[in-house]
Amino acid sequence: MTPAIPPAMDRPHFIGIGGAGMSGIAKILAGRGARVAGSDARESGTAAALRALGAEVHIGHATGHLAADASCVVVSSAIRADNPELAEAARRGIPAVHRSEALAALMTGLRTVAVAGTHGKTTTTSMLAVALTHLGLSPTYAIGGDLDVPGSNAESGTGDLFIAEADESDRSFHRYRPEVAVILNVELDHHANYASMDEIYESFEIFADRVEPGGTLVINADQEGARKLTATLAGRRGLRIVTYGDASDADFRVVRIVPDRLTSDVTVAFDGGELTFRVAVPGRHYAHNAVAALAAGVAAGVPAPALARALGAYTGVRRRLQPKGEANGVLVIDSYAHHPTEMAADLAAIRGGAAGGRVLVVFQPHLFSRTKELADEMGAALARADACLVLDIYPAREDPIPGVTSALIVAAARTRGAEVLAVAEQDAVPGAVAGIARPGDLVLTMGAGDVTELGPKILARLAG
């Protein structure tokens, strides 16, 4: 069964179609038979993948890219009001639809599992989507990252389940009505949209209240913010709460995690029994993501033993501790981590896979607002590495903030005894890494910006 195309979305135009969230929605609509078009700032593998599905993708933003008969324009919070295509749509009276509204419309008629949290969303959503696909359940899914190749962040399935990454950054996850909601953690982030932890708690509480009557909330039993939220939600009428984690009172309790280089064997206790399964990515945080995926799938009615085995089919998401290659005995891995908690977790995870060598980090801070608020914590996380290079801040959608530069992070790392070097020019990074790396070392490119493009260049320089 292929669900219907939502009203007024049969001829959508996506502004920023190459973005992780936008491209997934475009792919699902194309799979349902919509005539999809859009534009993006630059050429990419994602743009090519969308064209292969029949979408018309323009490079650059111009009024002429908007078809005369476009039924709507789809935008994210990153699209500014002065974008020429958005302004042209307004002039013509073509409705603008926020990305989250479009995603919510695609969920209509399907049983939705929505995965939220300050970090871990992409991995957990991917694990569940891959496992359900492996079981032949053909879910529809939309993920904020590619599984293995560009364009693999979404699929229009024929089953009755929709697995979605639910973004809290702009409160857009308030638009969803999931049967099963997952909250992995609750921490302060997205400082341009949230002024305090109270606002964060309120936002996640609204998301939890959106769960369908009789539905289930799967939530972390260990993380402080999640536990506080659980206490607030306890007793809510019509909401079943299932917890997971190391805590002795967790419904899905992690009994043990046995690491084996870049994989782990995880044993979890629930419903009076135990189940052991393999997770093909390293680190305790990824093992916990897998347990969250297991609990969510069981809540949606999938048998636990089959689902646990299927979770072993997950081999990772692009940019989530993704091996990029090895040259002269040096392994290069790419990480999307940009929040201090994520940074520390990824560094802890790969420390076990470094085979006795050093861990060298190339870090690119993401957003001026995040750097302003969390520079000290970022420096503390980087101090876990043996040496690190810190690039200039990747601004994304933000304008500079006076006095906020990468120097704040460098100073914070150095006060903790870290060996850290500020590098303003990315072209200088491959040579700098090659100058200090030696066989057995592991190089981690880290950040949510274009630092990911340095991995192949570092490998080429290492190969000499």
Protein backbone atom coordinates (compact mmCIF):
# COMPACT_ATOMS: atom_id res chain seq x y z
CA MET A 1 0.00 0.00 0.00
CA THR A 2 1.36 3.42 -0.99
CA PRO A 3 -0.19 6.22 1.13
CA ALA A 4 -1.81 9.12 -0.65
CA ILE A 5 -0.01 12.37 -1.38
CA PRO A 6 -1.08 15.02 1.16
CA PRO A 7 -3.39 17.71 -0.23
CA ALA A 8 -1.63 20.58 -2.02
CA MET A 9 1.69 18.70 -2.03
CA ASP A 10 1.45 17.02 -5.41
CA ARG A 11 3.77 19.62 -7.02
CA PRO A 12 6.01 20.82 -4.16
CA HIS A 13 9.06 23.05 -4.52
CA PHE A 14 11.70 22.59 -1.78
CA ILE A 15 13.95 25.54 -0.93
CA GLY A 16 17.12 23.93 0.35
CA ILE A 17 16.20 20.49 -1.00
CA GLY A 18 19.65 19.07 -0.33
CA GLY A 19 19.36 19.43 3.45
CA ALA A 20 19.12 16.29 5.55
CA GLY A 21 15.53 16.85 6.68
CA MET A 22 14.25 18.43 3.48
CA SER A 23 15.67 15.82 1.12
CA GLY A 24 14.04 13.01 3.08
CA ILE A 25 10.58 14.54 2.73
CA ALA A 26 11.23 15.18 -0.96
CA LYS A 27 12.25 11.55 -1.43
CA ILE A 28 9.11 10.22 0.25
CA LEU A 29 6.87 12.48 -1.82
CA ALA A 30 8.66 11.41 -5.01
CA GLY A 31 8.12 7.80 -3.97
CA ARG A 32 4.40 8.49 -3.61
CA GLY A 33 4.23 9.94 -7.11
CA ALA A 34 4.44 13.69 -6.50
CA ARG A 35 6.20 15.91 -9.04
CA VAL A 36 9.05 17.14 -6.86
CA ALA A 37 11.26 20.14 -7.59
CA GLY A 38 13.58 22.30 -5.55
CA SER A 39 16.83 24.20 -5.24
CA ASP A 40 19.96 24.06 -3.15
CA ALA A 41 23.03 26.20 -2.65
CA ARG A 42 25.42 23.72 -4.21
CA GLU A 43 25.71 20.44 -6.06
CA SER A 44 25.83 17.29 -3.92
CA GLY A 45 25.39 13.55 -3.92
CA THR A 46 21.97 14.10 -2.35
CA ALA A 47 20.93 16.31 -5.28
CA ALA A 48 22.03 13.61 -7.69
CA ALA A 49 20.11 10.96 -5.73
CA LEU A 50 16.95 13.07 -5.88
CA ARG A 51 17.32 13.57 -9.61
CA ALA A 52 17.57 9.80 -10.00
CA LEU A 53 14.11 9.62 -8.41
CA GLY A 54 12.74 12.08 -10.97
CA ALA A 55 13.02 15.29 -8.95
CA GLU A 56 14.05 18.52 -10.69
CA VAL A 57 16.89 20.04 -8.66
CA HIS A 58 18.32 23.50 -9.39
CA ILE A 59 21.61 24.78 -8.02
CA GLY A 60 21.41 28.28 -6.57
CA HIS A 61 18.32 30.22 -5.56
CA ALA A 62 16.45 32.28 -8.18
CA THR A 63 12.85 33.22 -8.85
CA GLY A 64 12.94 31.41 -12.19
CA HIS A 65 13.41 28.07 -10.47
CA LEU A 66 9.88 28.17 -9.08
CA ALA A 67 7.53 26.44 -11.53
CA ALA A 68 4.43 28.33 -12.60
CA ASP A 69 2.15 25.59 -11.30
CA ALA A 70 3.97 24.76 -8.03
CA SER A 71 1.39 23.74 -5.43
CA CYS A 72 3.47 24.87 -2.43
CA VAL A 73 6.98 25.75 -1.32
CA VAL A 74 8.51 23.72 1.51
CA VAL A 75 10.95 25.54 3.79
CA SER A 76 12.95 24.87 6.93
CA SER A 77 13.69 27.31 9.74
CA ALA A 78 17.04 28.02 8.08
CA ILE A 79 15.39 29.68 5.06
CA ARG A 80 15.28 33.45 5.49
CA ALA A 81 12.35 35.61 4.46
CA ASP A 82 14.41 37.37 1.79
CA ASN A 83 15.13 34.14 -0.11
CA PRO A 84 14.16 35.00 -3.71
CA GLU A 85 12.12 31.83 -4.24
CA LEU A 86 10.21 32.28 -1.00
CA ALA A 87 9.55 35.93 -1.84
CA GLU A 88 8.35 34.94 -5.31
CA ALA A 89 6.03 32.32 -3.84
CA ALA A 90 4.52 34.95 -1.55
CA ARG A 91 4.05 37.31 -4.49
CA ARG A 92 2.20 34.61 -6.44
CA GLY A 93 0.13 33.45 -3.48
CA ILE A 94 1.74 30.00 -3.38
CA PRO A 95 1.49 28.66 0.19
CA ALA A 96 4.64 28.11 2.22
CA VAL A 97 4.75 24.87 4.23
CA HIS A 98 7.27 24.34 7.02
CA ARG A 99 9.31 21.16 6.78
CA SER A 100 7.72 19.77 9.95
CA GLU A 101 4.21 20.43 8.63
CA ALA A 102 5.06 18.50 5.48
CA LEU A 103 6.49 15.63 7.50
CA ALA A 104 3.45 15.56 9.77
CA ALA A 105 1.19 15.40 6.72
CA LEU A 106 3.15 12.41 5.39
CA MET A 107 2.47 10.54 8.65
CA THR A 108 -1.31 10.67 8.18
CA GLY A 109 -2.82 7.20 8.21
CA LEU A 110 0.37 5.50 9.43
CA ARG A 111 1.51 4.38 12.88
CA THR A 112 4.29 6.77 13.79
CA VAL A 113 7.35 6.25 15.97
CA ALA A 114 9.01 9.65 16.58
CA VAL A 115 12.51 9.79 18.07
CA ALA A 116 13.53 12.95 19.94
CA GLY A 117 16.37 14.05 22.20
CA THR A 118 19.21 16.53 22.37
CA HIS A 119 21.50 13.98 20.71
CA GLY A 120 21.34 10.42 19.37
CA LYS A 121 18.18 10.96 17.31
CA THR A 122 19.66 10.13 13.93
CA THR A 123 21.40 6.98 15.12
CA THR A 124 18.40 5.62 17.03
CA THR A 125 15.96 6.39 14.21
CA SER A 126 18.34 4.75 11.73
CA MET A 127 18.77 1.64 13.86
CA LEU A 128 15.02 1.13 14.08
CA ALA A 129 14.42 1.86 10.39
CA VAL A 130 17.15 -0.55 9.28
CA ALA A 131 15.97 -3.29 11.63
CA LEU A 132 12.32 -3.04 10.55
CA THR A 133 13.36 -3.01 6.91
CA HIS A 134 15.53 -6.09 7.53
CA LEU A 135 12.46 -7.82 8.99
CA GLY A 136 10.51 -7.13 5.79
CA LEU A 137 8.08 -4.68 7.41
CA SER A 138 8.80 -2.00 4.77
CA PRO A 139 8.51 1.07 7.03
CA THR A 140 8.41 4.60 5.73
CA TYR A 141 11.19 6.54 7.39
CA ALA A 142 12.73 10.01 7.48
CA ILE A 143 16.14 10.44 9.11
CA GLY A 144 18.40 13.45 9.64
CA GLY A 145 21.40 11.69 8.08
CA ASP A 146 22.28 9.22 5.36
CA LEU A 147 22.59 5.54 6.27
CA ASP A 148 25.39 4.70 3.86
CA VAL A 149 25.10 6.69 0.64
CA PRO A 150 23.66 10.12 -0.20
CA GLY A 151 19.89 9.97 -0.50
CA SER A 152 19.44 7.01 1.86
CA ASN A 153 17.94 9.16 4.62
CA ALA A 154 14.35 8.32 3.71
CA GLU A 155 12.15 5.73 2.08
CA SER A 156 8.49 5.53 1.14
CA GLY A 157 7.57 2.06 2.37
CA THR A 158 4.47 -0.05 1.94
CA GLY A 159 4.03 -1.03 5.60
CA ASP A 160 1.96 0.72 8.25
CA LEU A 161 4.86 2.12 10.31
CA PHE A 162 6.46 5.55 9.90
CA ILE A 163 9.78 6.03 11.70
CA ALA A 164 10.74 9.69 12.04
CA GLU A 165 13.49 11.73 13.60
CA ALA A 166 11.75 14.47 15.62
CA ASP A 167 13.69 17.74 15.74
CA GLU A 168 13.39 19.83 18.89
CA SER A 169 15.70 22.63 17.72
CA ASP A 170 12.87 24.92 16.55
CA ARG A 171 10.02 23.19 18.44
CA SER A 172 8.81 21.66 15.17
CA PHE A 173 8.37 18.25 16.82
CA HIS A 174 5.24 19.64 18.47
CA ARG A 175 3.41 19.02 15.17
CA TYR A 176 3.63 15.21 15.30
CA ARG A 177 1.11 12.76 16.79
CA PRO A 178 3.14 9.59 17.37
CA GLU A 179 1.86 6.26 18.62
CA VAL A 180 5.32 5.74 20.15
CA ALA A 181 7.57 8.64 21.17
CA VAL A 182 11.19 8.26 22.20
CA ILE A 183 13.11 10.80 24.31
CA LEU A 184 16.80 9.94 24.52
CA ASN A 185 18.01 12.86 26.64
CA VAL A 186 17.04 16.40 27.63
CA GLU A 187 19.85 18.98 27.69
CA LEU A 188 20.24 22.66 26.92
CA ASP A 189 21.13 23.32 23.28
CA HIS A 190 19.91 25.42 20.35
CA HIS A 191 20.55 28.59 22.29
CA ALA A 192 19.09 30.83 19.61
CA ASN A 193 15.66 29.26 20.28
CA TYR A 194 15.80 28.23 23.96
CA ALA A 195 16.82 30.63 26.71
CA SER A 196 16.81 28.17 29.61
CA MET A 197 16.39 24.57 30.70
CA ASP A 198 12.86 25.43 31.79
CA GLU A 199 12.00 26.19 28.17
CA ILE A 200 13.62 22.91 27.08
CA TYR A 201 11.60 20.90 29.63
CA GLU A 202 8.40 22.64 28.57
CA SER A 203 9.11 21.85 24.92
CA PHE A 204 9.73 18.16 25.53
CA GLU A 205 6.69 17.97 27.77
CA ILE A 206 4.52 19.31 24.93
CA PHE A 207 6.04 16.68 22.63
CA ALA A 208 5.22 13.92 25.11
CA ASP A 209 1.66 15.21 25.47
CA ARG A 210 1.28 14.80 21.69
CA VAL A 211 1.50 11.01 21.97
CA GLU A 212 -1.76 9.43 20.85
CA PRO A 213 -4.09 8.25 23.66
CA GLY A 214 -3.01 4.78 24.72
CA GLY A 215 0.41 5.31 23.17
CA THR A 216 3.86 4.81 24.66
CA LEU A 217 6.71 7.11 25.66
CA VAL A 218 10.12 5.41 25.70
CA ILE A 219 12.53 7.50 27.77
CA ASN A 220 16.05 7.35 29.19
CA ALA A 221 16.20 6.15 32.80
CA ASP A 222 19.76 7.42 33.41
CA GLN A 223 20.09 10.96 32.08
CA GLU A 224 19.19 13.66 34.60
CA GLY A 225 17.02 15.75 32.31
CA ALA A 226 15.08 12.74 31.08
CA ARG A 227 14.46 11.48 34.61
CA LYS A 228 13.17 14.89 35.66
CA LEU A 229 10.84 14.94 32.68
CA THR A 230 9.64 11.41 33.51
CA ALA A 231 8.72 12.51 37.03
CA THR A 232 6.72 15.39 35.56
CA LEU A 233 4.89 13.11 33.12
CA ALA A 234 4.19 10.24 35.53
CA GLY A 235 0.49 9.59 35.85
CA ARG A 236 -0.49 11.42 32.69
CA ARG A 237 -3.74 9.94 31.56
CA GLY A 238 -3.49 7.62 28.60
CA LEU A 239 0.33 7.67 28.47
CA ARG A 240 2.34 4.50 29.04
CA ILE A 241 5.94 5.25 30.05
CA VAL A 242 8.70 2.70 29.34
CA THR A 243 12.21 3.45 30.57
CA TYR A 244 15.56 2.11 29.39
CA GLY A 245 19.16 2.35 30.56
CA ASP A 246 21.59 1.23 33.24
CA ALA A 247 19.34 2.23 36.15
CA SER A 248 18.14 -0.64 38.32
CA ASP A 249 14.54 0.49 37.88
CA ALA A 250 14.67 0.67 34.07
CA ASP A 251 12.05 -1.38 32.22
CA PHE A 252 14.66 -2.26 29.58
CA ARG A 253 17.75 -2.56 31.79
CA VAL A 254 21.21 -2.73 30.26
CA VAL A 255 22.88 -5.65 32.04
CA ARG A 256 26.24 -5.48 30.31
CA ILE A 257 28.01 -4.04 27.27
CA VAL A 258 31.02 -5.98 26.04
CA PRO A 259 33.08 -3.91 23.55
CA ASP A 260 35.02 -5.58 20.75
CA ARG A 261 37.02 -2.86 18.93
CA LEU A 262 34.38 -1.04 16.86
CA THR A 263 31.42 -3.27 17.85
CA SER A 264 29.68 -4.25 21.09
CA ASP A 265 27.59 -7.12 22.46
CA VAL A 266 24.69 -5.79 24.52
CA THR A 267 22.64 -7.73 27.06
CA VAL A 268 19.32 -6.22 28.14
CA ALA A 269 16.83 -7.46 30.75
CA PHE A 270 13.08 -6.88 30.35
CA ASP A 271 9.82 -8.68 31.00
CA GLY A 272 11.58 -11.16 33.29
CA GLY A 273 14.15 -12.35 30.76
CA GLU A 274 17.41 -11.37 29.09
CA LEU A 275 18.38 -10.85 25.46
CA THR A 276 21.87 -10.39 23.97
CA PHE A 277 22.51 -8.85 20.58
CA ARG A 278 25.36 -7.23 18.65
CA VAL A 279 25.66 -3.54 17.85
CA ALA A 280 27.98 -2.93 14.90
CA VAL A 281 29.11 0.53 16.06
CA PRO A 282 31.38 1.35 19.02
CA GLY A 283 30.66 2.97 22.36
CA ARG A 284 28.22 2.78 25.26
CA HIS A 285 26.08 5.63 23.93
CA TYR A 286 25.43 3.75 20.68
CA ALA A 287 24.63 0.59 22.63
CA HIS A 288 22.08 2.58 24.62
CA ASN A 289 20.63 3.99 21.40
CA ALA A 290 20.13 0.40 20.24
CA VAL A 291 18.29 -0.48 23.46
CA ALA A 292 16.06 2.57 22.97
CA ALA A 293 15.32 1.35 19.43
CA LEU A 294 14.54 -2.12 20.79
CA ALA A 295 12.13 -0.72 23.40
CA ALA A 296 10.39 1.47 20.79
CA GLY A 297 9.99 -1.38 18.33
CA VAL A 298 8.57 -3.66 21.01
CA ALA A 299 6.13 -0.90 22.01
CA ALA A 300 5.02 -0.81 18.36
CA GLY A 301 4.31 -4.55 18.46
CA VAL A 302 7.46 -6.02 16.93
CA PRO A 303 8.64 -9.26 18.62
CA ALA A 304 11.74 -8.54 20.69
CA PRO A 305 13.95 -11.54 19.70
CA ALA A 306 13.51 -10.89 15.98
CA LEU A 307 14.01 -7.16 16.40
CA ALA A 308 17.17 -7.65 18.47
CA ARG A 309 18.70 -9.85 15.78
CA ALA A 310 17.69 -7.37 13.09
CA LEU A 311 19.36 -4.50 14.95
CA GLY A 312 22.63 -6.24 14.13
CA ALA A 313 22.00 -5.37 10.48
CA TYR A 314 22.62 -1.70 11.27
CA THR A 315 26.16 -0.72 10.28
CA GLY A 316 26.09 3.00 10.90
CA VAL A 317 25.09 6.39 9.58
CA ARG A 318 27.28 8.63 7.50
CA ARG A 319 29.15 11.02 9.80
CA ARG A 320 28.36 9.03 12.98
CA LEU A 321 31.81 7.59 13.74
CA GLN A 322 32.07 6.66 10.07
CA PRO A 323 35.42 5.16 9.01
CA LYS A 324 36.77 7.11 6.05
CA GLY A 325 39.86 5.02 5.36
CA GLU A 326 43.37 4.17 6.47
CA ALA A 327 46.75 5.35 5.19
CA ASN A 328 50.21 4.54 6.52
CA GLY A 329 48.69 2.85 9.55
CA VAL A 330 46.53 5.86 10.50
CA LEU A 331 42.75 5.37 10.61
CA VAL A 332 40.55 8.39 9.80
CA ILE A 333 37.00 8.50 11.21
CA ASP A 334 34.34 11.19 10.74
CA SER A 335 31.98 12.37 13.50
CA TYR A 336 28.99 14.72 13.40
CA ALA A 337 29.36 15.44 17.15
CA HIS A 338 29.08 19.15 17.92
CA HIS A 339 27.58 19.29 21.42
CA PRO A 340 30.02 18.64 24.31
CA THR A 341 28.14 15.54 25.50
CA GLU A 342 28.31 14.03 22.00
CA MET A 343 31.96 14.99 21.64
CA ALA A 344 32.95 13.34 24.91
CA ALA A 345 30.93 10.21 24.12
CA ASP A 346 32.47 9.77 20.67
CA LEU A 347 35.97 10.29 22.01
CA ALA A 348 35.34 7.69 24.69
CA ALA A 349 33.97 5.28 22.08
CA ILE A 350 36.88 5.46 19.70
CA ARG A 351 39.49 5.37 22.46
CA GLY A 352 38.84 1.62 22.63
CA GLY A 353 39.34 1.29 18.88
CA ALA A 354 42.63 3.14 18.68
CA ALA A 355 44.68 -0.07 19.07
CA GLY A 356 47.06 1.57 21.51
CA GLY A 357 47.72 4.60 19.34
CA ARG A 358 46.83 8.21 19.99
CA VAL A 359 43.52 9.94 19.26
CA LEU A 360 43.98 13.12 17.21
CA VAL A 361 40.96 15.40 16.65
CA VAL A 362 40.20 17.99 14.00
CA PHE A 363 37.26 19.93 15.46
CA GLN A 364 35.08 22.54 13.79
CA PRO A 365 32.71 24.37 16.17
CA HIS A 366 29.15 24.71 14.88
CA LEU A 367 27.19 27.96 15.41
CA PHE A 368 28.27 31.12 17.22
CA SER A 369 25.44 30.83 19.75
CA ARG A 370 26.43 27.31 20.76
CA THR A 371 30.09 28.30 21.06
CA LYS A 372 29.19 31.31 23.21
CA GLU A 373 27.30 29.14 25.70
CA LEU A 374 29.34 25.91 25.63
CA ALA A 375 32.94 26.84 24.74
CA ASP A 376 34.26 25.72 28.14
CA GLU A 377 32.49 22.36 27.93
CA MET A 378 33.75 21.86 24.35
CA GLY A 379 37.29 22.53 25.53
CA ALA A 380 36.86 20.00 28.34
CA ALA A 381 35.66 17.38 25.86
CA LEU A 382 38.59 18.01 23.49
CA ALA A 383 41.00 17.60 26.40
CA ARG A 384 40.15 13.88 26.23
CA ALA A 385 42.08 13.66 22.95
CA ASP A 386 45.86 13.34 22.75
CA ALA A 387 46.05 16.35 20.44
CA CYS A 388 43.56 18.48 18.54
CA LEU A 389 43.29 21.10 15.83
CA VAL A 390 40.45 23.61 16.18
CA LEU A 391 39.04 25.32 13.08
CA ASP A 392 37.06 28.53 12.78
CA ILE A 393 33.36 28.42 13.70
CA TYR A 394 31.02 27.09 11.02
CA PRO A 395 28.23 29.71 11.04
CA ALA A 396 25.47 27.77 9.23
CA ARG A 397 22.40 30.00 9.53
CA GLU A 398 23.84 32.46 12.08
CA ASP A 399 25.51 35.83 11.90
CA PRO A 400 28.74 36.36 13.90
CA ILE A 401 28.56 37.36 17.57
CA PRO A 402 31.20 39.91 18.64
CA GLY A 403 33.96 38.30 20.68
CA VAL A 404 32.82 34.73 19.98
CA THR A 405 35.51 32.78 18.12
CA SER A 406 37.21 29.39 18.26
CA ALA A 407 39.81 30.96 20.54
CA LEU A 408 37.36 30.48 23.45
CA ILE A 409 37.45 26.71 22.93
CA VAL A 410 41.21 26.63 22.42
CA ALA A 411 41.75 28.49 25.69
CA ALA A 412 39.36 26.19 27.57
CA ALA A 413 41.15 23.11 26.27
CA ARG A 414 44.60 24.48 27.09
CA THR A 415 43.63 25.29 30.69
CA ARG A 416 43.04 21.55 31.04
CA GLY A 417 46.47 20.68 29.72
CA ALA A 418 45.38 19.76 26.22
CA GLU A 419 47.73 19.89 23.26
CA VAL A 420 45.67 22.09 20.96
CA LEU A 421 46.38 24.20 17.88
CA ALA A 422 44.11 26.78 16.23
CA VAL A 423 44.05 26.45 12.44
CA ALA A 424 42.26 29.16 10.47
CA GLU A 425 42.75 27.73 6.98
CA GLN A 426 41.28 24.32 6.26
CA ASP A 427 43.81 23.78 3.47
CA ALA A 428 46.50 23.67 6.14
CA VAL A 429 44.86 20.83 8.07
CA PRO A 430 45.99 17.78 6.03
CA GLY A 431 49.63 18.84 6.25
CA ALA A 432 49.35 19.61 9.95
CA VAL A 433 47.81 16.20 10.67
CA ALA A 434 50.38 14.39 8.53
CA GLY A 435 53.11 16.16 10.46
CA ILE A 436 52.05 14.72 13.83
CA ALA A 437 50.29 11.43 13.02
CA ARG A 438 52.12 8.14 13.25
CA PRO A 439 51.16 4.48 12.59
CA GLY A 440 48.54 3.26 15.08
CA ASP A 441 47.00 6.69 15.58
CA LEU A 442 43.34 7.47 14.95
CA VAL A 443 42.29 10.81 13.44
CA LEU A 444 38.76 12.04 14.16
CA THR A 445 37.26 14.86 12.06
CA MET A 446 34.49 16.25 14.25
CA GLY A 447 31.70 18.80 13.80
CA ALA A 448 28.39 19.44 12.05
CA GLY A 449 29.81 21.68 9.29
CA ASP A 450 32.04 21.05 6.28
CA VAL A 451 34.89 19.56 8.33
CA THR A 452 33.66 16.23 6.95
CA GLU A 453 35.28 17.13 3.63
CA LEU A 454 38.75 17.00 5.20
CA GLY A 455 38.82 13.23 5.76
CA PRO A 456 39.73 12.24 2.18
CA LYS A 457 42.25 15.10 1.96
CA ILE A 458 43.94 13.96 5.19
CA LEU A 459 44.11 10.39 3.88
CA ALA A 460 45.64 11.56 0.60
CA ARG A 461 48.29 13.55 2.44
CA LEU A 462 49.04 10.65 4.80
CA ALA A 463 49.45 8.34 1.81
CA GLY A 464 52.04 10.77 0.48
